C-alpha atoms as a PDB file:
ATOM      1  CA  MET A   1      10.950  -5.534  24.116  1.00  0.00           C
ATOM      2  CA  LYS A   2      12.154  -5.144  27.647  1.00  0.00           C
ATOM      3  CA  ASP A   3      15.481  -3.623  28.590  1.00  0.00           C
ATOM      4  CA  ASP A   4      16.572  -6.082  31.257  1.00  0.00           C
ATOM      5  CA  GLY A   5      20.175  -6.513  30.151  1.00  0.00           C
ATOM      6  CA  VAL A   6      19.503  -9.891  28.551  1.00  0.00           C
ATOM      7  CA  PRO A   7      20.023 -10.027  24.794  1.00  0.00           C
ATOM      8  CA  ALA A   8      16.816 -10.536  22.875  1.00  0.00           C
ATOM      9  CA  SER A   9      16.428 -13.747  20.946  1.00  0.00           C
ATOM     10  CA  ALA A  10      16.311 -13.646  17.173  1.00  0.00           C
ATOM     11  CA  GLU A  11      12.611 -14.502  17.295  1.00  0.00           C
ATOM     12  CA  GLU A  12      11.880 -11.631  19.706  1.00  0.00           C
ATOM     13  CA  VAL A  13      13.699  -9.212  17.410  1.00  0.00           C
ATOM     14  CA  ARG A  14      11.831 -10.602  14.414  1.00  0.00           C
ATOM     15  CA  ASP A  15       8.451 -10.244  16.178  1.00  0.00           C
ATOM     16  CA  PHE A  16       9.298  -6.704  17.258  1.00  0.00           C
ATOM     17  CA  ILE A  17      10.261  -5.707  13.707  1.00  0.00           C
ATOM     18  CA  ARG A  18       7.126  -7.403  12.316  1.00  0.00           C
ATOM     19  CA  ASN A  19       4.960  -5.418  14.739  1.00  0.00           C
ATOM     20  CA  CYS A  20       6.708  -2.149  13.850  1.00  0.00           C
ATOM     21  CA  LEU A  21       6.303  -2.793  10.120  1.00  0.00           C
ATOM     22  CA  GLN A  22       2.622  -3.652  10.556  1.00  0.00           C
ATOM     23  CA  GLN A  23       2.063  -0.400  12.416  1.00  0.00           C
ATOM     24  CA  ALA A  24       4.048   1.465   9.754  1.00  0.00           C
ATOM     25  CA  ALA A  25       1.866  -0.008   7.001  1.00  0.00           C
ATOM     26  CA  LEU A  26      -1.293   1.139   8.782  1.00  0.00           C
ATOM     27  CA  VAL A  27       0.036   4.624   9.488  1.00  0.00           C
ATOM     28  CA  ASN A  28       1.570   5.105   6.047  1.00  0.00           C
ATOM     29  CA  TYR A  29      -1.505   3.882   4.190  1.00  0.00           C
ATOM     30  CA  SER A  30      -3.862   6.060   6.223  1.00  0.00           C
ATOM     31  CA  ARG A  31      -1.656   9.095   5.559  1.00  0.00           C
ATOM     32  CA  VAL A  32      -1.352   8.365   1.833  1.00  0.00           C
ATOM     33  CA  SER A  33      -5.095   7.770   1.589  1.00  0.00           C
ATOM     34  CA  GLU A  34      -5.830  10.980   3.479  1.00  0.00           C
ATOM     35  CA  TYR A  35      -3.412  12.918   1.259  1.00  0.00           C
ATOM     36  CA  ALA A  36      -5.026  11.497  -1.893  1.00  0.00           C
ATOM     37  CA  SER A  37      -8.525  12.425  -0.708  1.00  0.00           C
ATOM     38  CA  ILE A  38      -7.421  15.974   0.131  1.00  0.00           C
ATOM     39  CA  GLU A  39      -5.666  16.301  -3.231  1.00  0.00           C
ATOM     40  CA  SER A  40      -8.744  15.097  -5.104  1.00  0.00           C
ATOM     41  CA  GLY A  41     -10.975  17.545  -3.259  1.00  0.00           C
ATOM     42  CA  GLN A  42     -13.213  14.897  -1.707  1.00  0.00           C
ATOM     43  CA  ASP A  43     -13.322  16.765   1.573  1.00  0.00           C
ATOM     44  CA  THR A  44     -14.375  20.090   0.090  1.00  0.00           C
ATOM     45  CA  ALA A  45     -16.527  19.276  -2.920  1.00  0.00           C
ATOM     46  CA  GLY A  46     -20.246  18.989  -2.331  1.00  0.00           C
ATOM     47  CA  ASP A  47     -20.795  17.054  -5.546  1.00  0.00           C
ATOM     48  CA  PRO A  48     -21.852  13.438  -5.253  1.00  0.00           C
ATOM     49  CA  PRO A  49     -19.038  11.123  -6.346  1.00  0.00           C
ATOM     50  CA  ASN A  50     -19.357   9.582  -9.800  1.00  0.00           C
ATOM     51  CA  SER A  51     -17.694   6.403 -11.001  1.00  0.00           C
ATOM     52  CA  VAL A  52     -15.214   8.144 -13.319  1.00  0.00           C
ATOM     53  CA  LYS A  53     -14.023  10.491 -10.560  1.00  0.00           C
ATOM     54  CA  SER A  54     -13.897   7.637  -8.045  1.00  0.00           C
ATOM     55  CA  ILE A  55     -11.811   5.519 -10.423  1.00  0.00           C
ATOM     56  CA  SER A  56      -9.580   8.494 -11.181  1.00  0.00           C
ATOM     57  CA  ASP A  57      -9.073   9.084  -7.456  1.00  0.00           C
ATOM     58  CA  LEU A  58      -8.342   5.388  -6.941  1.00  0.00           C
ATOM     59  CA  ILE A  59      -5.759   5.435  -9.749  1.00  0.00           C
ATOM     60  CA  HIS A  60      -4.108   8.420  -8.090  1.00  0.00           C
ATOM     61  CA  LEU A  61      -4.127   6.599  -4.740  1.00  0.00           C
ATOM     62  CA  ALA A  62      -2.575   3.522  -6.400  1.00  0.00           C
ATOM     63  CA  GLU A  63       0.169   5.696  -7.903  1.00  0.00           C
ATOM     64  CA  LEU A  64       0.886   7.222  -4.492  1.00  0.00           C
ATOM     65  CA  CYS A  65       0.977   3.763  -2.890  1.00  0.00           C
ATOM     66  CA  ILE A  66       3.395   2.564  -5.543  1.00  0.00           C
ATOM     67  CA  GLU A  67       5.617   5.570  -4.935  1.00  0.00           C
ATOM     68  CA  VAL A  68       5.640   5.017  -1.160  1.00  0.00           C
ATOM     69  CA  LEU A  69       6.466   1.318  -1.500  1.00  0.00           C
ATOM     70  CA  ARG A  70       9.216   2.022  -4.021  1.00  0.00           C
ATOM     71  CA  GLN A  71      10.701   4.590  -1.655  1.00  0.00           C
ATOM     72  CA  ASN A  72      10.513   2.047   1.170  1.00  0.00           C
ATOM     73  CA  GLU A  73      12.362  -0.466  -0.974  1.00  0.00           C
ATOM     74  CA  GLU A  74      14.935   2.095  -2.086  1.00  0.00           C
ATOM     75  CA  HIS A  75      15.636   3.504   1.363  1.00  0.00           C
ATOM     76  CA  HIS A  76      15.082   0.564   3.703  1.00  0.00           C
ATOM     77  CA  ALA A  77      15.692  -2.705   1.825  1.00  0.00           C
ATOM     78  CA  GLU A  78      19.368  -2.778   2.736  1.00  0.00           C
ATOM     79  CA  SER A  79      18.559  -2.207   6.410  1.00  0.00           C
ATOM     80  CA  PHE A  80      16.103  -5.094   6.351  1.00  0.00           C
ATOM     81  CA  ALA A  81      18.321  -7.504   4.408  1.00  0.00           C
ATOM     82  CA  TRP A  82      18.019 -10.138   7.147  1.00  0.00           C
ATOM     83  CA  PHE A  83      14.273  -9.567   7.379  1.00  0.00           C
ATOM     84  CA  SER A  84      13.343  -9.041   3.723  1.00  0.00           C
ATOM     85  CA  ASP A  85      10.325 -11.316   4.156  1.00  0.00           C
ATOM     86  CA  LEU A  86       9.002  -8.901   6.795  1.00  0.00           C
ATOM     87  CA  LEU A  87       9.375  -6.001   4.379  1.00  0.00           C
ATOM     88  CA  THR A  88       7.388  -8.067   1.867  1.00  0.00           C
ATOM     89  CA  GLU A  89       4.705  -8.671   4.528  1.00  0.00           C
ATOM     90  CA  HIS A  90       4.650  -4.911   5.101  1.00  0.00           C
ATOM     91  CA  ALA A  91       4.006  -4.323   1.387  1.00  0.00           C
ATOM     92  CA  GLU A  92       1.334  -7.031   1.332  1.00  0.00           C
ATOM     93  CA  LEU A  93      -0.475  -5.440   4.277  1.00  0.00           C
ATOM     94  CA  PHE A  94      -0.201  -2.046   2.589  1.00  0.00           C
ATOM     95  CA  TRP A  95      -1.787  -3.479  -0.584  1.00  0.00           C
ATOM     96  CA  SER A  96      -4.507  -5.265   1.389  1.00  0.00           C
ATOM     97  CA  LEU A  97      -5.545  -1.905   2.839  1.00  0.00           C
ATOM     98  CA  PHE A  98      -5.616  -0.472  -0.683  1.00  0.00           C
ATOM     99  CA  ALA A  99      -7.632  -3.497  -1.866  1.00  0.00           C
ATOM    100  CA  ALA A 100     -10.305  -2.805   0.759  1.00  0.00           C
ATOM    101  CA  ASP A 101     -10.709   0.746  -0.571  1.00  0.00           C
ATOM    102  CA  MET A 102     -10.633  -0.535  -4.145  1.00  0.00           C
ATOM    103  CA  VAL A 103     -13.461  -2.998  -3.472  1.00  0.00           C
ATOM    104  CA  ILE A 104     -15.639  -0.194  -2.105  1.00  0.00           C
ATOM    105  CA  VAL A 105     -15.148   1.828  -5.299  1.00  0.00           C
ATOM    106  CA  MET A 106     -15.467  -1.154  -7.645  1.00  0.00           C
ATOM    107  CA  GLU A 107     -18.779  -2.214  -6.096  1.00  0.00           C
ATOM    108  CA  LYS A 108     -20.248   1.164  -7.064  1.00  0.00           C
ATOM    109  CA  ILE A 109     -19.477   0.946 -10.775  1.00  0.00           C
ATOM    110  CA  PRO A 110     -21.380  -1.122 -13.347  1.00  0.00           C
ATOM    111  CA  PRO A 111     -19.808  -4.516 -14.107  1.00  0.00           C
ATOM    112  CA  ASP A 112     -19.487  -3.720 -17.818  1.00  0.00           C
ATOM    113  CA  CYS A 113     -17.689  -0.406 -17.211  1.00  0.00           C
ATOM    114  CA  TRP A 114     -14.198  -0.098 -18.682  1.00  0.00           C
ATOM    115  CA  ASP A 115     -13.314   2.998 -16.640  1.00  0.00           C
ATOM    116  CA  ALA A 116     -11.343   0.842 -14.197  1.00  0.00           C
ATOM    117  CA  PHE A 117      -9.078  -0.620 -16.880  1.00  0.00           C
ATOM    118  CA  PRO A 118      -6.336   2.048 -16.413  1.00  0.00           C
ATOM    119  CA  LEU A 119      -6.261   1.220 -12.689  1.00  0.00           C
ATOM    120  CA  PHE A 120      -5.526  -2.412 -13.434  1.00  0.00           C
ATOM    121  CA  GLN A 121      -2.864  -1.391 -15.946  1.00  0.00           C
ATOM    122  CA  VAL A 122      -1.101   0.683 -13.269  1.00  0.00           C
ATOM    123  CA  LEU A 123      -1.304  -2.144 -10.734  1.00  0.00           C
ATOM    124  CA  ASN A 124      -0.230  -4.777 -13.265  1.00  0.00           C
ATOM    125  CA  ASP A 125       2.778  -2.719 -14.366  1.00  0.00           C
ATOM    126  CA  TYR A 126       3.858  -2.347 -10.747  1.00  0.00           C
ATOM    127  CA  LEU A 127       3.348  -5.986  -9.825  1.00  0.00           C
ATOM    128  CA  ILE A 128       5.262  -7.195 -12.885  1.00  0.00           C
ATOM    129  CA  THR A 129       8.303  -5.025 -12.186  1.00  0.00           C
ATOM    130  CA  GLU A 130       8.615  -5.174  -8.397  1.00  0.00           C
ATOM    131  CA  GLY A 131      10.973  -7.758  -6.961  1.00  0.00           C
ATOM    132  CA  GLU A 132       8.877  -9.084  -4.097  1.00  0.00           C
ATOM    133  CA  PHE A 133       5.793  -9.558  -6.293  1.00  0.00           C
ATOM    134  CA  SER A 134       7.468 -10.261  -9.622  1.00  0.00           C
ATOM    135  CA  LEU A 135       6.870 -13.455 -11.535  1.00  0.00           C
ATOM    136  CA  ARG A 136      10.314 -13.213 -13.120  1.00  0.00           C
ATOM    137  CA  SER A 137      12.573 -16.162 -12.539  1.00  0.00           C
END
């Protein structure tokens, strides 16, 4: 946005906020992902990753993502009341970044492996209870 003394249109404000929220999703997800990998010891361990550890790390990452998005909702939802759809887009982008990491892990485990079931329980519980993704009427 330019500061030329002319008030910005509603669409310009909306586009600016959308861009900021997209950048925030990228930055926040990369930081959460980096934090989760440091916490799990991926950077320091010389052991090859196994499917159980990878799933466990992914569950931990999902829990951190859920916590970040809940904090966003708790702290910023009121500020974005006029642009709640943009906050939902932010969450969707955040989850799409998680989904890309999840696919990488899921492709490495056997198709008949039940180790990933707890991950889907965590994600399902979140998606059922959260307002922007809830199926409640």
